[in-house]
Amino acid sequence: MISDITLGQFFPGSSVMHRLDPRVKLCMTVYYIGLIFCSRNWITLALTVLTALSGVVLSKVPAKLYLKSLKPIWFLIAFTGILNLFYGSGEPIWSFGFLSITRAGIINAVMIAVRLVVLILISSVLTFTTSPTQLTDAIERVLKPLALLHVPVHEFAMMMTIALRFVPTLLEETDKIMSAQKARGADLESGGLAQRIRALIPILIPLFVSAFRRAFDLATAMESRCYHGGAGRTRMKTLHLGRVDYGVLALCAAYLVLFVLLTALLPAAI
């Protein structure tokens, strides 16, 4: 299960999605997340899913990696979908005691499940095709207007990028610690819930120690290089929007107009 988590991993490539400006990819991620949760009928939902899946195809990242990113949350998707089955008005199709399933509940469950899957896929496209350095620059540039309100934009972007950067490292460290504890005879899989929680203590303690040691080493390395935040910093690579970036932004604007028209003209699914 630990090896199936792909959050924060970057896969180098030369696809269209890799060549896009990271600011455009970051804004597109927020844009499609907003659209997928604002879809109120099957047409807008299907079109938004198809346009989001086109980003998956254009990234040229193997499909198995996207499926791998979905694997850890299948339980959450299924649980959320089943829970939403019982939230819907109308004539019950099936009922047992105070529980009842209606047509509106089924539609709501399907739409919620689809939204969660697309949410993970879109986020994976961003992290798979954008390096941590590019992501830091993109977050800092997009949030730069907040600096006028004395918001520490650079520090915020740096913290987010460091967190994403060390997710794969901590997962690898967790896997190594679990393997070492199993080799020493630790039983991590049998027993009840309380016993399994107690079995995690020999894993969590060395993991926290390792995480704090890495944080201390990183802080020492940044201080030794005279790092002092975003004030007066220069960049080796300056971000510039190209023709492809402007074309993608124009397509997103055109689709937003179409989305609003379809939402206004077509009836809601529920």
Protein backbone atom coordinates (compact mmCIF):
# COMPACT_ATOMS: atom_id res chain seq x y z
CA MET A 1 0.00 0.00 0.00
CA ILE A 2 2.83 2.41 0.83
CA SER A 3 4.42 1.92 -2.59
CA ASP A 4 1.10 2.72 -4.30
CA ILE A 5 1.05 6.34 -3.08
CA THR A 6 2.36 8.58 -5.88
CA LEU A 7 1.62 11.99 -4.34
CA GLY A 8 4.43 14.46 -5.00
CA GLN A 9 6.24 12.34 -7.59
CA PHE A 10 7.51 13.99 -10.77
CA PHE A 11 8.05 12.05 -14.02
CA PRO A 12 10.28 13.88 -16.53
CA GLY A 13 9.09 14.02 -20.10
CA SER A 14 8.62 16.20 -23.17
CA SER A 15 4.85 16.02 -23.65
CA VAL A 16 2.55 18.99 -24.18
CA MET A 17 1.63 19.00 -20.49
CA HIS A 18 5.30 18.98 -19.47
CA ARG A 19 6.02 21.98 -21.73
CA LEU A 20 3.13 24.07 -20.45
CA ASP A 21 3.93 26.95 -18.15
CA PRO A 22 3.55 25.73 -14.53
CA ARG A 23 1.35 28.73 -13.73
CA VAL A 24 -1.06 27.68 -16.46
CA LYS A 25 -1.12 24.09 -15.16
CA LEU A 26 -1.73 25.27 -11.61
CA CYS A 27 -4.60 27.54 -12.68
CA MET A 28 -6.04 24.79 -14.91
CA THR A 29 -6.03 22.37 -11.97
CA VAL A 30 -8.04 24.79 -9.82
CA TYR A 31 -10.22 25.61 -12.83
CA TYR A 32 -11.20 22.00 -13.55
CA ILE A 33 -11.69 21.16 -9.88
CA GLY A 34 -14.15 24.05 -9.70
CA LEU A 35 -15.94 22.94 -12.89
CA ILE A 36 -16.22 19.30 -11.85
CA PHE A 37 -17.91 20.26 -8.59
CA CYS A 38 -20.16 22.83 -10.30
CA SER A 39 -21.49 20.31 -12.84
CA ARG A 40 -25.20 19.87 -12.23
CA ASN A 41 -26.22 17.72 -15.21
CA TRP A 42 -24.83 14.74 -17.10
CA ILE A 43 -23.78 16.73 -20.19
CA THR A 44 -21.56 19.21 -18.34
CA LEU A 45 -20.20 16.43 -16.12
CA ALA A 46 -19.32 14.24 -19.13
CA LEU A 47 -17.72 17.10 -21.06
CA THR A 48 -15.67 18.18 -18.05
CA VAL A 49 -14.51 14.61 -17.45
CA LEU A 50 -13.53 14.22 -21.13
CA THR A 51 -11.57 17.48 -21.20
CA ALA A 52 -9.83 16.53 -17.95
CA LEU A 53 -8.98 13.07 -19.32
CA SER A 54 -7.49 14.75 -22.39
CA GLY A 55 -4.88 16.23 -20.03
CA VAL A 56 -4.13 12.72 -18.79
CA VAL A 57 -3.60 11.53 -22.38
CA LEU A 58 -1.51 14.56 -23.38
CA SER A 59 0.77 14.09 -20.38
CA LYS A 60 2.01 10.78 -21.88
CA VAL A 61 2.47 9.41 -18.37
CA PRO A 62 1.65 5.66 -18.29
CA ALA A 63 -1.97 4.96 -17.38
CA LYS A 64 -0.88 2.45 -14.73
CA LEU A 65 0.64 5.30 -12.73
CA TYR A 66 -2.69 7.13 -12.65
CA LEU A 67 -4.41 3.93 -11.60
CA LYS A 68 -1.75 3.52 -8.96
CA SER A 69 -2.52 6.99 -7.61
CA LEU A 70 -6.21 6.02 -7.33
CA LYS A 71 -5.58 2.70 -5.59
CA PRO A 72 -5.06 4.06 -2.04
CA ILE A 73 -8.37 5.98 -2.08
CA TRP A 74 -10.71 3.41 -3.66
CA PHE A 75 -12.10 2.69 -0.21
CA LEU A 76 -12.79 6.38 0.41
CA ILE A 77 -14.49 6.74 -2.99
CA ALA A 78 -16.64 3.65 -2.40
CA PHE A 79 -17.52 4.69 1.15
CA THR A 80 -18.49 8.22 0.07
CA GLY A 81 -20.57 6.88 -2.83
CA ILE A 82 -22.42 4.36 -0.64
CA LEU A 83 -23.05 7.01 1.99
CA ASN A 84 -24.57 9.37 -0.59
CA LEU A 85 -26.96 6.64 -1.76
CA PHE A 86 -29.11 7.36 1.27
CA TYR A 87 -29.22 11.13 0.73
CA GLY A 88 -31.91 11.87 -1.80
CA SER A 89 -35.52 12.88 -1.98
CA GLY A 90 -38.27 11.19 -3.96
CA GLU A 91 -39.95 7.81 -4.13
CA PRO A 92 -37.81 5.10 -2.47
CA ILE A 93 -36.56 2.33 -4.75
CA TRP A 94 -35.41 0.23 -1.79
CA SER A 95 -35.88 0.77 1.92
CA PHE A 96 -34.93 -1.02 5.12
CA GLY A 97 -36.00 0.58 8.36
CA PHE A 98 -34.93 4.23 8.36
CA LEU A 99 -32.63 3.67 5.36
CA SER A 100 -33.95 4.23 1.86
CA ILE A 101 -32.41 4.50 -1.60
CA THR A 102 -33.98 6.79 -4.18
CA ARG A 103 -33.21 7.63 -7.79
CA ALA A 104 -31.82 10.99 -6.68
CA GLY A 105 -29.58 9.21 -4.18
CA ILE A 106 -28.14 6.92 -6.88
CA ILE A 107 -27.44 9.87 -9.18
CA ASN A 108 -25.84 11.79 -6.33
CA ALA A 109 -23.62 8.81 -5.41
CA VAL A 110 -22.43 8.36 -9.00
CA MET A 111 -21.68 12.06 -9.45
CA ILE A 112 -19.75 12.26 -6.16
CA ALA A 113 -17.66 9.18 -7.05
CA VAL A 114 -16.86 10.56 -10.52
CA ARG A 115 -15.90 13.93 -9.05
CA LEU A 116 -13.49 12.37 -6.56
CA VAL A 117 -11.83 10.24 -9.25
CA VAL A 118 -11.38 13.22 -11.58
CA LEU A 119 -10.10 15.32 -8.67
CA ILE A 120 -7.30 12.83 -8.03
CA LEU A 121 -6.49 12.45 -11.75
CA ILE A 122 -6.24 16.21 -12.31
CA SER A 123 -4.04 16.66 -9.26
CA SER A 124 -1.85 13.77 -10.45
CA VAL A 125 -1.41 15.40 -13.87
CA LEU A 126 -0.08 18.53 -12.13
CA THR A 127 2.42 16.71 -9.91
CA PHE A 128 3.48 14.16 -12.55
CA THR A 129 4.34 16.83 -15.13
CA THR A 130 5.65 19.66 -12.91
CA SER A 131 8.92 19.55 -11.00
CA PRO A 132 9.00 20.81 -7.38
CA THR A 133 11.05 23.84 -8.44
CA GLN A 134 8.57 24.79 -11.15
CA LEU A 135 5.68 24.26 -8.75
CA THR A 136 7.30 26.59 -6.20
CA ASP A 137 7.74 29.32 -8.82
CA ALA A 138 4.17 28.85 -10.06
CA ILE A 139 2.62 29.08 -6.58
CA GLU A 140 4.72 32.12 -5.74
CA ARG A 141 3.85 33.92 -8.99
CA VAL A 142 0.13 33.17 -8.79
CA LEU A 143 -0.11 34.28 -5.15
CA LYS A 144 2.18 37.29 -5.61
CA PRO A 145 -0.67 39.87 -5.30
CA LEU A 146 -1.21 38.67 -1.72
CA ALA A 147 2.24 40.02 -0.86
CA LEU A 148 0.67 43.50 -0.93
CA LEU A 149 -1.34 42.38 2.12
CA HIS A 150 1.91 41.31 3.84
CA VAL A 151 1.21 37.62 3.28
CA PRO A 152 4.50 35.63 3.24
CA VAL A 153 3.87 34.22 -0.24
CA HIS A 154 7.37 32.88 -0.85
CA GLU A 155 7.54 31.10 2.50
CA PHE A 156 4.10 29.60 1.91
CA ALA A 157 5.09 28.33 -1.53
CA MET A 158 8.37 26.94 -0.19
CA MET A 159 6.61 25.05 2.63
CA MET A 160 4.10 23.49 0.23
CA THR A 161 6.82 22.41 -2.19
CA ILE A 162 9.05 20.96 0.53
CA ALA A 163 6.06 19.03 1.87
CA LEU A 164 5.30 17.59 -1.58
CA ARG A 165 8.99 16.88 -2.20
CA PHE A 166 9.41 14.84 0.98
CA VAL A 167 6.20 12.79 0.69
CA PRO A 168 7.88 10.10 -1.49
CA THR A 169 10.96 10.18 0.76
CA LEU A 170 8.93 9.65 3.93
CA LEU A 171 6.90 6.90 2.28
CA GLU A 172 10.09 5.13 1.26
CA GLU A 173 11.43 5.54 4.80
CA THR A 174 8.19 4.12 6.21
CA ASP A 175 8.44 1.09 3.93
CA LYS A 176 12.04 0.46 5.04
CA ILE A 177 11.13 0.75 8.73
CA MET A 178 8.18 -1.64 8.31
CA SER A 179 10.40 -4.16 6.52
CA ALA A 180 13.02 -3.88 9.26
CA GLN A 181 10.43 -4.37 12.03
CA LYS A 182 8.94 -7.39 10.24
CA ALA A 183 12.43 -8.87 9.93
CA ARG A 184 12.73 -8.53 13.71
CA GLY A 185 9.51 -10.51 14.16
CA ALA A 186 6.99 -7.68 14.52
CA ASP A 187 3.42 -8.63 13.58
CA LEU A 188 1.79 -5.67 11.83
CA GLU A 189 -1.15 -7.34 10.08
CA SER A 190 -2.91 -9.69 12.50
CA GLY A 191 -5.05 -8.96 15.55
CA GLY A 192 -7.82 -6.47 16.21
CA LEU A 193 -7.86 -2.73 15.59
CA ALA A 194 -6.35 -1.83 18.97
CA GLN A 195 -3.54 -4.35 18.51
CA ARG A 196 -2.73 -3.03 15.03
CA ILE A 197 -2.61 0.54 16.36
CA ARG A 198 -0.19 -0.52 19.11
CA ALA A 199 1.91 -2.32 16.48
CA LEU A 200 2.38 1.00 14.64
CA ILE A 201 4.25 2.57 17.57
CA PRO A 202 7.61 0.93 16.65
CA ILE A 203 7.12 2.39 13.15
CA LEU A 204 5.96 5.91 14.02
CA ILE A 205 8.69 6.67 16.56
CA PRO A 206 11.69 6.06 14.24
CA LEU A 207 9.76 7.71 11.38
CA PHE A 208 9.26 10.91 13.43
CA VAL A 209 12.91 10.85 14.50
CA SER A 210 14.01 10.47 10.88
CA ALA A 211 11.64 13.24 9.73
CA PHE A 212 12.93 15.70 12.35
CA ARG A 213 16.53 14.79 11.47
CA ARG A 214 15.84 15.47 7.78
CA ALA A 215 14.16 18.77 8.64
CA PHE A 216 17.14 19.82 10.77
CA ASP A 217 19.60 18.88 8.01
CA LEU A 218 17.55 20.79 5.43
CA ALA A 219 17.37 23.89 7.65
CA THR A 220 21.13 23.72 8.25
CA ALA A 221 21.81 23.38 4.52
CA MET A 222 19.58 26.37 3.71
CA GLU A 223 21.23 28.52 6.38
CA SER A 224 24.73 27.56 5.22
CA ARG A 225 23.78 28.77 1.74
CA CYS A 226 22.58 32.09 3.19
CA TYR A 227 18.98 31.45 2.24
CA HIS A 228 16.78 34.27 3.53
CA GLY A 229 13.46 34.01 1.67
CA GLY A 230 12.11 35.67 -1.43
CA ALA A 231 13.37 39.24 -0.93
CA GLY A 232 15.96 40.11 -3.56
CA ARG A 233 16.11 36.58 -4.99
CA THR A 234 16.84 36.07 -8.67
CA ARG A 235 15.87 33.05 -10.74
CA MET A 236 17.97 30.98 -13.09
CA LYS A 237 14.91 30.33 -15.29
CA THR A 238 12.28 33.02 -15.83
CA LEU A 239 8.76 31.86 -16.63
CA HIS A 240 7.28 33.08 -19.90
CA LEU A 241 3.95 32.23 -21.51
CA GLY A 242 4.20 30.82 -25.03
CA ARG A 243 1.75 30.31 -27.87
CA VAL A 244 0.65 26.95 -26.53
CA ASP A 245 -0.06 28.49 -23.12
CA TYR A 246 -2.17 31.26 -24.61
CA GLY A 247 -3.98 28.70 -26.78
CA VAL A 248 -4.81 26.54 -23.76
CA LEU A 249 -6.06 29.57 -21.82
CA ALA A 250 -8.27 30.56 -24.78
CA LEU A 251 -9.73 27.04 -24.95
CA CYS A 252 -10.42 27.10 -21.21
CA ALA A 253 -12.20 30.46 -21.53
CA ALA A 254 -14.29 29.17 -24.47
CA TYR A 255 -15.22 26.03 -22.55
CA LEU A 256 -16.21 28.11 -19.52
CA VAL A 257 -18.70 30.01 -21.70
CA LEU A 258 -20.07 26.71 -23.05
CA PHE A 259 -20.25 25.29 -19.52
CA VAL A 260 -22.27 28.26 -18.26
CA LEU A 261 -24.68 28.06 -21.22
CA LEU A 262 -25.23 24.31 -20.80
CA THR A 263 -25.77 24.72 -17.05
CA ALA A 264 -28.33 27.46 -17.64
CA LEU A 265 -30.21 25.72 -20.47
CA LEU A 266 -30.22 22.07 -19.37
CA PRO A 267 -32.06 20.78 -16.31
CA ALA A 268 -30.10 19.53 -13.31
CA ALA A 269 -29.62 15.77 -12.96
CA ILE A 270 -31.03 15.82 -9.43
